[in-house]
mmCIF file of all heavy atoms, coordinates in Angstrom:
data_MODEL
# 
_entry.id   MODEL 
# 
loop_
_atom_site.group_PDB 
_atom_site.id 
_atom_site.type_symbol 
_atom_site.label_atom_id 
_atom_site.label_alt_id 
_atom_site.label_comp_id 
_atom_site.label_asym_id 
_atom_site.label_entity_id 
_atom_site.label_seq_id 
_atom_site.pdbx_PDB_ins_code 
_atom_site.Cartn_x 
_atom_site.Cartn_y 
_atom_site.Cartn_z 
_atom_site.occupancy 
_atom_site.B_iso_or_equiv 
_atom_site.pdbx_formal_charge 
_atom_site.auth_seq_id 
_atom_site.auth_comp_id 
_atom_site.auth_asym_id 
_atom_site.auth_atom_id 
_atom_site.pdbx_PDB_model_num 
ATOM 1   N N   . GLU A 1 1  ? 0.846   -1.191 0.000  1.00 0.00 ? 1  GLU A N   1 
ATOM 2   C CA  . GLU A 1 1  ? 0.000   0.000  0.000  1.00 0.00 ? 1  GLU A CA  1 
ATOM 3   C C   . GLU A 1 1  ? 0.887   1.248  0.000  1.00 0.00 ? 1  GLU A C   1 
ATOM 4   O O   . GLU A 1 1  ? 1.895   1.312  0.700  1.00 0.00 ? 1  GLU A O   1 
ATOM 5   C CB  . GLU A 1 1  ? -0.897  -0.006 1.234  1.00 0.00 ? 1  GLU A CB  1 
ATOM 6   C CG  . GLU A 1 1  ? -1.957  1.082  1.226  1.00 0.00 ? 1  GLU A CG  1 
ATOM 7   C CD  . GLU A 1 1  ? -2.913  0.978  2.401  1.00 0.00 ? 1  GLU A CD  1 
ATOM 8   O OE1 . GLU A 1 1  ? -2.639  0.175  3.325  1.00 0.00 ? 1  GLU A OE1 1 
ATOM 9   O OE2 . GLU A 1 1  ? -3.921  1.710  2.412  1.00 0.00 ? 1  GLU A OE2 1 
ATOM 10  N N   . TYR A 1 2  ? 0.498   2.245  -0.772 1.00 0.00 ? 2  TYR A N   1 
ATOM 11  C CA  . TYR A 1 2  ? 1.276   3.477  -0.844 1.00 0.00 ? 2  TYR A CA  1 
ATOM 12  C C   . TYR A 1 2  ? 0.350   4.651  -1.114 1.00 0.00 ? 2  TYR A C   1 
ATOM 13  O O   . TYR A 1 2  ? -0.811  4.489  -1.472 1.00 0.00 ? 2  TYR A O   1 
ATOM 14  C CB  . TYR A 1 2  ? 2.342   3.384  -1.940 1.00 0.00 ? 2  TYR A CB  1 
ATOM 15  C CG  . TYR A 1 2  ? 1.770   3.278  -3.347 1.00 0.00 ? 2  TYR A CG  1 
ATOM 16  C CD1 . TYR A 1 2  ? 1.583   4.410  -4.140 1.00 0.00 ? 2  TYR A CD1 1 
ATOM 17  C CD2 . TYR A 1 2  ? 1.415   2.039  -3.890 1.00 0.00 ? 2  TYR A CD2 1 
ATOM 18  C CE1 . TYR A 1 2  ? 1.057   4.318  -5.420 1.00 0.00 ? 2  TYR A CE1 1 
ATOM 19  C CE2 . TYR A 1 2  ? 0.896   1.928  -5.165 1.00 0.00 ? 2  TYR A CE2 1 
ATOM 20  C CZ  . TYR A 1 2  ? 0.710   3.074  -5.926 1.00 0.00 ? 2  TYR A CZ  1 
ATOM 21  O OH  . TYR A 1 2  ? 0.181   2.981  -7.195 1.00 0.00 ? 2  TYR A OH  1 
ATOM 22  N N   . ARG A 1 3  ? 0.883   5.852  -0.920 1.00 0.00 ? 3  ARG A N   1 
ATOM 23  C CA  . ARG A 1 3  ? 0.174   7.078  -1.240 1.00 0.00 ? 3  ARG A CA  1 
ATOM 24  C C   . ARG A 1 3  ? 1.105   7.993  -2.028 1.00 0.00 ? 3  ARG A C   1 
ATOM 25  O O   . ARG A 1 3  ? 2.288   8.116  -1.699 1.00 0.00 ? 3  ARG A O   1 
ATOM 26  C CB  . ARG A 1 3  ? -0.294  7.803  0.031  1.00 0.00 ? 3  ARG A CB  1 
ATOM 27  C CG  . ARG A 1 3  ? -1.355  7.061  0.810  1.00 0.00 ? 3  ARG A CG  1 
ATOM 28  C CD  . ARG A 1 3  ? -2.709  7.078  0.111  1.00 0.00 ? 3  ARG A CD  1 
ATOM 29  N NE  . ARG A 1 3  ? -3.731  6.463  0.939  1.00 0.00 ? 3  ARG A NE  1 
ATOM 30  C CZ  . ARG A 1 3  ? -4.029  5.155  0.940  1.00 0.00 ? 3  ARG A CZ  1 
ATOM 31  N NH1 . ARG A 1 3  ? -3.370  4.336  0.128  1.00 0.00 ? 3  ARG A NH1 1 
ATOM 32  N NH2 . ARG A 1 3  ? -4.965  4.673  1.719  1.00 0.00 ? 3  ARG A NH2 1 
ATOM 33  N N   . ILE A 1 4  ? 0.569   8.625  -3.043 1.00 0.00 ? 4  ILE A N   1 
ATOM 34  C CA  . ILE A 1 4  ? 1.339   9.555  -3.865 1.00 0.00 ? 4  ILE A CA  1 
ATOM 35  C C   . ILE A 1 4  ? 1.394   10.913 -3.174 1.00 0.00 ? 4  ILE A C   1 
ATOM 36  O O   . ILE A 1 4  ? 0.435   11.358 -2.554 1.00 0.00 ? 4  ILE A O   1 
ATOM 37  C CB  . ILE A 1 4  ? 0.706   9.680  -5.262 1.00 0.00 ? 4  ILE A CB  1 
ATOM 38  C CG1 . ILE A 1 4  ? 0.855   8.340  -6.018 1.00 0.00 ? 4  ILE A CG1 1 
ATOM 39  C CG2 . ILE A 1 4  ? 1.341   10.808 -6.063 1.00 0.00 ? 4  ILE A CG2 1 
ATOM 40  C CD1 . ILE A 1 4  ? 0.133   8.296  -7.341 1.00 0.00 ? 4  ILE A CD1 1 
ATOM 41  N N   . GLY A 1 5  ? 2.544   11.587 -3.290 1.00 0.00 ? 5  GLY A N   1 
ATOM 42  C CA  . GLY A 1 5  ? 2.751   12.873 -2.630 1.00 0.00 ? 5  GLY A CA  1 
ATOM 43  C C   . GLY A 1 5  ? 3.200   12.658 -1.206 1.00 0.00 ? 5  GLY A C   1 
ATOM 44  O O   . GLY A 1 5  ? 4.122   11.894 -0.924 1.00 0.00 ? 5  GLY A O   1 
ATOM 45  N N   . THR A 1 6  ? 2.560   13.318 -0.284 1.00 0.00 ? 6  THR A N   1 
ATOM 46  C CA  . THR A 1 6  ? 2.824   13.119 1.136  1.00 0.00 ? 6  THR A CA  1 
ATOM 47  C C   . THR A 1 6  ? 1.508   12.760 1.816  1.00 0.00 ? 6  THR A C   1 
ATOM 48  O O   . THR A 1 6  ? 0.471   12.637 1.170  1.00 0.00 ? 6  THR A O   1 
ATOM 49  C CB  . THR A 1 6  ? 3.421   14.384 1.774  1.00 0.00 ? 6  THR A CB  1 
ATOM 50  O OG1 . THR A 1 6  ? 2.532   15.484 1.522  1.00 0.00 ? 6  THR A OG1 1 
ATOM 51  C CG2 . THR A 1 6  ? 4.789   14.699 1.201  1.00 0.00 ? 6  THR A CG2 1 
ATOM 52  N N   . ALA A 1 7  ? 1.548   12.622 3.142  1.00 0.00 ? 7  ALA A N   1 
ATOM 53  C CA  . ALA A 1 7  ? 0.364   12.149 3.862  1.00 0.00 ? 7  ALA A CA  1 
ATOM 54  C C   . ALA A 1 7  ? -0.830  13.079 3.703  1.00 0.00 ? 7  ALA A C   1 
ATOM 55  O O   . ALA A 1 7  ? -1.972  12.656 3.874  1.00 0.00 ? 7  ALA A O   1 
ATOM 56  C CB  . ALA A 1 7  ? 0.698   11.978 5.342  1.00 0.00 ? 7  ALA A CB  1 
ATOM 57  N N   . GLY A 1 8  ? -0.592  14.327 3.372  1.00 0.00 ? 8  GLY A N   1 
ATOM 58  C CA  . GLY A 1 8  ? -1.699  15.270 3.197  1.00 0.00 ? 8  GLY A CA  1 
ATOM 59  C C   . GLY A 1 8  ? -2.191  15.385 1.774  1.00 0.00 ? 8  GLY A C   1 
ATOM 60  O O   . GLY A 1 8  ? -3.067  16.204 1.483  1.00 0.00 ? 8  GLY A O   1 
ATOM 61  N N   . GLY A 1 9  ? -1.637  14.597 0.846  1.00 0.00 ? 9  GLY A N   1 
ATOM 62  C CA  . GLY A 1 9  ? -2.099  14.654 -0.529 1.00 0.00 ? 9  GLY A CA  1 
ATOM 63  C C   . GLY A 1 9  ? -1.256  15.514 -1.444 1.00 0.00 ? 9  GLY A C   1 
ATOM 64  O O   . GLY A 1 9  ? -1.666  15.829 -2.564 1.00 0.00 ? 9  GLY A O   1 
ATOM 65  N N   . GLY A 1 10 ? -0.057  15.900 -1.005 1.00 0.00 ? 10 GLY A N   1 
ATOM 66  C CA  . GLY A 1 10 ? 0.808   16.691 -1.873 1.00 0.00 ? 10 GLY A CA  1 
ATOM 67  C C   . GLY A 1 10 ? 0.521   18.179 -1.770 1.00 0.00 ? 10 GLY A C   1 
ATOM 68  O O   . GLY A 1 10 ? 0.188   18.696 -0.699 1.00 0.00 ? 10 GLY A O   1 
ATOM 69  N N   . ASN A 1 11 ? 0.630   18.875 -2.889 1.00 0.00 ? 11 ASN A N   1 
ATOM 70  C CA  . ASN A 1 11 ? 0.511   20.330 -2.949 1.00 0.00 ? 11 ASN A CA  1 
ATOM 71  C C   . ASN A 1 11 ? -0.914  20.778 -2.620 1.00 0.00 ? 11 ASN A C   1 
ATOM 72  O O   . ASN A 1 11 ? -1.841  20.591 -3.400 1.00 0.00 ? 11 ASN A O   1 
ATOM 73  C CB  . ASN A 1 11 ? 0.905   20.806 -4.354 1.00 0.00 ? 11 ASN A CB  1 
ATOM 74  C CG  . ASN A 1 11 ? 0.955   22.310 -4.462 1.00 0.00 ? 11 ASN A CG  1 
ATOM 75  O OD1 . ASN A 1 11 ? 0.480   23.028 -3.587 1.00 0.00 ? 11 ASN A OD1 1 
ATOM 76  N ND2 . ASN A 1 11 ? 1.535   22.798 -5.551 1.00 0.00 ? 11 ASN A ND2 1 
ATOM 77  N N   . GLN A 1 12 ? -1.085  21.409 -1.452 1.00 0.00 ? 12 GLN A N   1 
ATOM 78  C CA  . GLN A 1 12 ? -2.417  21.832 -1.014 1.00 0.00 ? 12 GLN A CA  1 
ATOM 79  C C   . GLN A 1 12 ? -3.027  22.892 -1.935 1.00 0.00 ? 12 GLN A C   1 
ATOM 80  O O   . GLN A 1 12 ? -4.255  22.977 -2.062 1.00 0.00 ? 12 GLN A O   1 
ATOM 81  C CB  . GLN A 1 12 ? -2.348  22.375 0.409  1.00 0.00 ? 12 GLN A CB  1 
ATOM 82  C CG  . GLN A 1 12 ? -2.166  21.312 1.474  1.00 0.00 ? 12 GLN A CG  1 
ATOM 83  C CD  . GLN A 1 12 ? -3.370  20.398 1.589  1.00 0.00 ? 12 GLN A CD  1 
ATOM 84  O OE1 . GLN A 1 12 ? -4.489  20.849 1.769  1.00 0.00 ? 12 GLN A OE1 1 
ATOM 85  N NE2 . GLN A 1 12 ? -3.136  19.103 1.468  1.00 0.00 ? 12 GLN A NE2 1 
ATOM 86  N N   . ALA A 1 13 ? -2.197  23.691 -2.592 1.00 0.00 ? 13 ALA A N   1 
ATOM 87  C CA  . ALA A 1 13 ? -2.711  24.761 -3.448 1.00 0.00 ? 13 ALA A CA  1 
ATOM 88  C C   . ALA A 1 13 ? -3.435  24.224 -4.682 1.00 0.00 ? 13 ALA A C   1 
ATOM 89  O O   . ALA A 1 13 ? -4.156  24.964 -5.349 1.00 0.00 ? 13 ALA A O   1 
ATOM 90  C CB  . ALA A 1 13 ? -1.586  25.692 -3.870 1.00 0.00 ? 13 ALA A CB  1 
ATOM 91  N N   . ARG A 1 14 ? -3.253  22.949 -4.995 1.00 0.00 ? 14 ARG A N   1 
ATOM 92  C CA  . ARG A 1 14 ? -3.953  22.344 -6.132 1.00 0.00 ? 14 ARG A CA  1 
ATOM 93  C C   . ARG A 1 14 ? -5.315  21.774 -5.743 1.00 0.00 ? 14 ARG A C   1 
ATOM 94  O O   . ARG A 1 14 ? -6.040  21.277 -6.602 1.00 0.00 ? 14 ARG A O   1 
ATOM 95  C CB  . ARG A 1 14 ? -3.094  21.227 -6.726 1.00 0.00 ? 14 ARG A CB  1 
ATOM 96  C CG  . ARG A 1 14 ? -1.740  21.686 -7.257 1.00 0.00 ? 14 ARG A CG  1 
ATOM 97  C CD  . ARG A 1 14 ? -1.070  20.557 -8.019 1.00 0.00 ? 14 ARG A CD  1 
ATOM 98  N NE  . ARG A 1 14 ? 0.266   20.901 -8.470 1.00 0.00 ? 14 ARG A NE  1 
ATOM 99  C CZ  . ARG A 1 14 ? 0.992   20.146 -9.292 1.00 0.00 ? 14 ARG A CZ  1 
ATOM 100 N NH1 . ARG A 1 14 ? 0.501   19.011 -9.749 1.00 0.00 ? 14 ARG A NH1 1 
ATOM 101 N NH2 . ARG A 1 14 ? 2.206   20.521 -9.654 1.00 0.00 ? 14 ARG A NH2 1 
ATOM 102 N N   . GLN A 1 15 ? -5.649  21.836 -4.473 1.00 0.00 ? 15 GLN A N   1 
ATOM 103 C CA  . GLN A 1 15 ? -6.884  21.223 -3.998 1.00 0.00 ? 15 GLN A CA  1 
ATOM 104 C C   . GLN A 1 15 ? -8.094  22.115 -4.285 1.00 0.00 ? 15 GLN A C   1 
ATOM 105 O O   . GLN A 1 15 ? -8.023  23.337 -4.155 1.00 0.00 ? 15 GLN A O   1 
ATOM 106 C CB  . GLN A 1 15 ? -6.785  20.948 -2.495 1.00 0.00 ? 15 GLN A CB  1 
ATOM 107 C CG  . GLN A 1 15 ? -5.733  19.928 -2.102 1.00 0.00 ? 15 GLN A CG  1 
ATOM 108 C CD  . GLN A 1 15 ? -6.118  18.509 -2.503 1.00 0.00 ? 15 GLN A CD  1 
ATOM 109 O OE1 . GLN A 1 15 ? -7.249  18.248 -2.883 1.00 0.00 ? 15 GLN A OE1 1 
ATOM 110 N NE2 . GLN A 1 15 ? -5.169  17.598 -2.409 1.00 0.00 ? 15 GLN A NE2 1 
ATOM 111 N N   . PRO A 1 16 ? -9.234  21.503 -4.650 1.00 0.00 ? 16 PRO A N   1 
ATOM 112 C CA  . PRO A 1 16 ? -10.415 22.303 -5.005 1.00 0.00 ? 16 PRO A CA  1 
ATOM 113 C C   . PRO A 1 16 ? -10.987 23.134 -3.867 1.00 0.00 ? 16 PRO A C   1 
ATOM 114 O O   . PRO A 1 16 ? -11.604 24.174 -4.105 1.00 0.00 ? 16 PRO A O   1 
ATOM 115 C CB  . PRO A 1 16 ? -11.427 21.251 -5.489 1.00 0.00 ? 16 PRO A CB  1 
ATOM 116 C CG  . PRO A 1 16 ? -10.946 19.943 -4.951 1.00 0.00 ? 16 PRO A CG  1 
ATOM 117 C CD  . PRO A 1 16 ? -9.463  20.061 -4.873 1.00 0.00 ? 16 PRO A CD  1 
ATOM 118 N N   . TYR A 1 17 ? -10.780 22.710 -2.613 1.00 0.00 ? 17 TYR A N   1 
ATOM 119 C CA  . TYR A 1 17 ? -11.398 23.446 -1.510 1.00 0.00 ? 17 TYR A CA  1 
ATOM 120 C C   . TYR A 1 17 ? -10.887 24.869 -1.394 1.00 0.00 ? 17 TYR A C   1 
ATOM 121 O O   . TYR A 1 17 ? -11.561 25.758 -0.850 1.00 0.00 ? 17 TYR A O   1 
ATOM 122 C CB  . TYR A 1 17 ? -11.214 22.698 -0.176 1.00 0.00 ? 17 TYR A CB  1 
ATOM 123 C CG  . TYR A 1 17 ? -9.834  22.774 0.434  1.00 0.00 ? 17 TYR A CG  1 
ATOM 124 C CD1 . TYR A 1 17 ? -9.474  23.785 1.320  1.00 0.00 ? 17 TYR A CD1 1 
ATOM 125 C CD2 . TYR A 1 17 ? -8.867  21.815 0.132  1.00 0.00 ? 17 TYR A CD2 1 
ATOM 126 C CE1 . TYR A 1 17 ? -8.211  23.851 1.881  1.00 0.00 ? 17 TYR A CE1 1 
ATOM 127 C CE2 . TYR A 1 17 ? -7.596  21.862 0.694  1.00 0.00 ? 17 TYR A CE2 1 
ATOM 128 C CZ  . TYR A 1 17 ? -7.276  22.881 1.562  1.00 0.00 ? 17 TYR A CZ  1 
ATOM 129 O OH  . TYR A 1 17 ? -6.019  22.927 2.114  1.00 0.00 ? 17 TYR A OH  1 
ATOM 130 N N   . LEU A 1 18 ? -9.684  25.144 -1.917 1.00 0.00 ? 18 LEU A N   1 
ATOM 131 C CA  . LEU A 1 18 ? -9.087  26.470 -1.775 1.00 0.00 ? 18 LEU A CA  1 
ATOM 132 C C   . LEU A 1 18 ? -9.558  27.458 -2.841 1.00 0.00 ? 18 LEU A C   1 
ATOM 133 O O   . LEU A 1 18 ? -9.255  28.654 -2.750 1.00 0.00 ? 18 LEU A O   1 
ATOM 134 C CB  . LEU A 1 18 ? -7.563  26.369 -1.815 1.00 0.00 ? 18 LEU A CB  1 
ATOM 135 C CG  . LEU A 1 18 ? -6.872  26.068 -0.486 1.00 0.00 ? 18 LEU A CG  1 
ATOM 136 C CD1 . LEU A 1 18 ? -5.382  25.891 -0.681 1.00 0.00 ? 18 LEU A CD1 1 
ATOM 137 C CD2 . LEU A 1 18 ? -7.134  27.171 0.532  1.00 0.00 ? 18 LEU A CD2 1 
ATOM 138 N N   . GLU A 1 19 ? -10.276 26.979 -3.839 1.00 0.00 ? 19 GLU A N   1 
ATOM 139 C CA  . GLU A 1 19 ? -10.674 27.852 -4.945 1.00 0.00 ? 19 GLU A CA  1 
ATOM 140 C C   . GLU A 1 19 ? -11.538 29.020 -4.483 1.00 0.00 ? 19 GLU A C   1 
ATOM 141 O O   . GLU A 1 19 ? -11.566 30.076 -5.112 1.00 0.00 ? 19 GLU A O   1 
ATOM 142 C CB  . GLU A 1 19 ? -11.416 27.038 -6.010 1.00 0.00 ? 19 GLU A CB  1 
ATOM 143 C CG  . GLU A 1 19 ? -10.520 26.041 -6.742 1.00 0.00 ? 19 GLU A CG  1 
ATOM 144 C CD  . GLU A 1 19 ? -11.297 25.170 -7.711 1.00 0.00 ? 19 GLU A CD  1 
ATOM 145 O OE1 . GLU A 1 19 ? -12.544 25.319 -7.790 1.00 0.00 ? 19 GLU A OE1 1 
ATOM 146 O OE2 . GLU A 1 19 ? -10.663 24.341 -8.391 1.00 0.00 ? 19 GLU A OE2 1 
ATOM 147 N N   . LYS A 1 20 ? -12.256 28.856 -3.378 1.00 0.00 ? 20 LYS A N   1 
ATOM 148 C CA  . LYS A 1 20 ? -13.168 29.894 -2.889 1.00 0.00 ? 20 LYS A CA  1 
ATOM 149 C C   . LYS A 1 20 ? -12.498 30.856 -1.905 1.00 0.00 ? 20 LYS A C   1 
ATOM 150 O O   . LYS A 1 20 ? -13.147 31.799 -1.438 1.00 0.00 ? 20 LYS A O   1 
ATOM 151 C CB  . LYS A 1 20 ? -14.379 29.254 -2.216 1.00 0.00 ? 20 LYS A CB  1 
ATOM 152 C CG  . LYS A 1 20 ? -15.219 28.385 -3.133 1.00 0.00 ? 20 LYS A CG  1 
ATOM 153 C CD  . LYS A 1 20 ? -16.381 27.764 -2.372 1.00 0.00 ? 20 LYS A CD  1 
ATOM 154 C CE  . LYS A 1 20 ? -17.214 26.869 -3.271 1.00 0.00 ? 20 LYS A CE  1 
ATOM 155 N NZ  . LYS A 1 20 ? -18.340 26.235 -2.518 1.00 0.00 ? 20 LYS A NZ  1 
ATOM 156 N N   . TYR A 1 21 ? -11.226 30.609 -1.596 1.00 0.00 ? 21 TYR A N   1 
ATOM 157 C CA  . TYR A 1 21 ? -10.572 31.390 -0.549 1.00 0.00 ? 21 TYR A CA  1 
ATOM 158 C C   . TYR A 1 21 ? -9.349  32.133 -1.078 1.00 0.00 ? 21 TYR A C   1 
ATOM 159 O O   . TYR A 1 21 ? -8.717  31.720 -2.052 1.00 0.00 ? 21 TYR A O   1 
ATOM 160 C CB  . TYR A 1 21 ? -10.151 30.481 0.604  1.00 0.00 ? 21 TYR A CB  1 
ATOM 161 C CG  . TYR A 1 21 ? -11.310 29.819 1.308  1.00 0.00 ? 21 TYR A CG  1 
ATOM 162 C CD1 . TYR A 1 21 ? -11.695 28.525 0.978  1.00 0.00 ? 21 TYR A CD1 1 
ATOM 163 C CD2 . TYR A 1 21 ? -12.031 30.487 2.290  1.00 0.00 ? 21 TYR A CD2 1 
ATOM 164 C CE1 . TYR A 1 21 ? -12.760 27.905 1.616  1.00 0.00 ? 21 TYR A CE1 1 
ATOM 165 C CE2 . TYR A 1 21 ? -13.091 29.880 2.935  1.00 0.00 ? 21 TYR A CE2 1 
ATOM 166 C CZ  . TYR A 1 21 ? -13.454 28.588 2.592  1.00 0.00 ? 21 TYR A CZ  1 
ATOM 167 O OH  . TYR A 1 21 ? -14.503 27.984 3.224  1.00 0.00 ? 21 TYR A OH  1 
ATOM 168 N N   . GLU A 1 22 ? -9.017  33.191 -0.379 1.00 0.00 ? 22 GLU A N   1 
ATOM 169 C CA  . GLU A 1 22 ? -7.826  33.963 -0.725 1.00 0.00 ? 22 GLU A CA  1 
ATOM 170 C C   . GLU A 1 22 ? -6.595  33.296 -0.120 1.00 0.00 ? 22 GLU A C   1 
ATOM 171 O O   . GLU A 1 22 ? -6.590  32.917 1.049  1.00 0.00 ? 22 GLU A O   1 
ATOM 172 C CB  . GLU A 1 22 ? -7.950  35.389 -0.186 1.00 0.00 ? 22 GLU A CB  1 
ATOM 173 C CG  . GLU A 1 22 ? -6.735  36.259 -0.477 1.00 0.00 ? 22 GLU A CG  1 
ATOM 174 C CD  . GLU A 1 22 ? -6.839  37.644 0.155  1.00 0.00 ? 22 GLU A CD  1 
ATOM 175 O OE1 . GLU A 1 22 ? -7.910  37.958 0.721  1.00 0.00 ? 22 GLU A OE1 1 
ATOM 176 O OE2 . GLU A 1 22 ? -5.841  38.387 0.092  1.00 0.00 ? 22 GLU A OE2 1 
ATOM 177 N N   . PHE A 1 23 ? -5.550  33.147 -0.926 1.00 0.00 ? 23 PHE A N   1 
ATOM 178 C CA  . PHE A 1 23 ? -4.270  32.646 -0.424 1.00 0.00 ? 23 PHE A CA  1 
ATOM 179 C C   . PHE A 1 23 ? -3.163  33.153 -1.331 1.00 0.00 ? 23 PHE A C   1 
ATOM 180 O O   . PHE A 1 23 ? -3.416  33.615 -2.451 1.00 0.00 ? 23 PHE A O   1 
ATOM 181 C CB  . PHE A 1 23 ? -4.249  31.116 -0.345 1.00 0.00 ? 23 PHE A CB  1 
ATOM 182 C CG  . PHE A 1 23 ? -4.380  30.412 -1.671 1.00 0.00 ? 23 PHE A CG  1 
ATOM 183 C CD1 . PHE A 1 23 ? -3.265  30.046 -2.407 1.00 0.00 ? 23 PHE A CD1 1 
ATOM 184 C CD2 . PHE A 1 23 ? -5.639  30.098 -2.175 1.00 0.00 ? 23 PHE A CD2 1 
ATOM 185 C CE1 . PHE A 1 23 ? -3.388  29.389 -3.619 1.00 0.00 ? 23 PHE A CE1 1 
ATOM 186 C CE2 . PHE A 1 23 ? -5.780  29.443 -3.386 1.00 0.00 ? 23 PHE A CE2 1 
ATOM 187 C CZ  . PHE A 1 23 ? -4.656  29.083 -4.116 1.00 0.00 ? 23 PHE A CZ  1 
ATOM 188 N N   . ARG A 1 24 ? -1.944  33.109 -0.854 1.00 0.00 ? 24 ARG A N   1 
ATOM 189 C CA  . ARG A 1 24 ? -0.784  33.497 -1.649 1.00 0.00 ? 24 ARG A CA  1 
ATOM 190 C C   . ARG A 1 24 ? 0.184   32.335 -1.746 1.00 0.00 ? 24 ARG A C   1 
ATOM 191 O O   . ARG A 1 24 ? 0.248   31.505 -0.840 1.00 0.00 ? 24 ARG A O   1 
ATOM 192 C CB  . ARG A 1 24 ? -0.068  34.710 -1.028 1.00 0.00 ? 24 ARG A CB  1 
ATOM 193 C CG  . ARG A 1 24 ? -0.855  35.993 -1.065 1.00 0.00 ? 24 ARG A CG  1 
ATOM 194 C CD  . ARG A 1 24 ? 0.030   37.223 -0.859 1.00 0.00 ? 24 ARG A CD  1 
ATOM 195 N NE  . ARG A 1 24 ? 0.676   37.270 0.445  1.00 0.00 ? 24 ARG A NE  1 
ATOM 196 C CZ  . ARG A 1 24 ? 1.976   37.160 0.649  1.00 0.00 ? 24 ARG A CZ  1 
ATOM 197 N NH1 . ARG A 1 24 ? 2.801   36.924 -0.372 1.00 0.00 ? 24 ARG A NH1 1 
ATOM 198 N NH2 . ARG A 1 24 ? 2.482   37.243 1.874  1.00 0.00 ? 24 ARG A NH2 1 
# 
């Protein structure tokens, strides 16, 4: 068993949940 990226799913900035929020 393995997971791609890291335990949190890799690059958080690519995640859909952030599309509605401001971030840099």
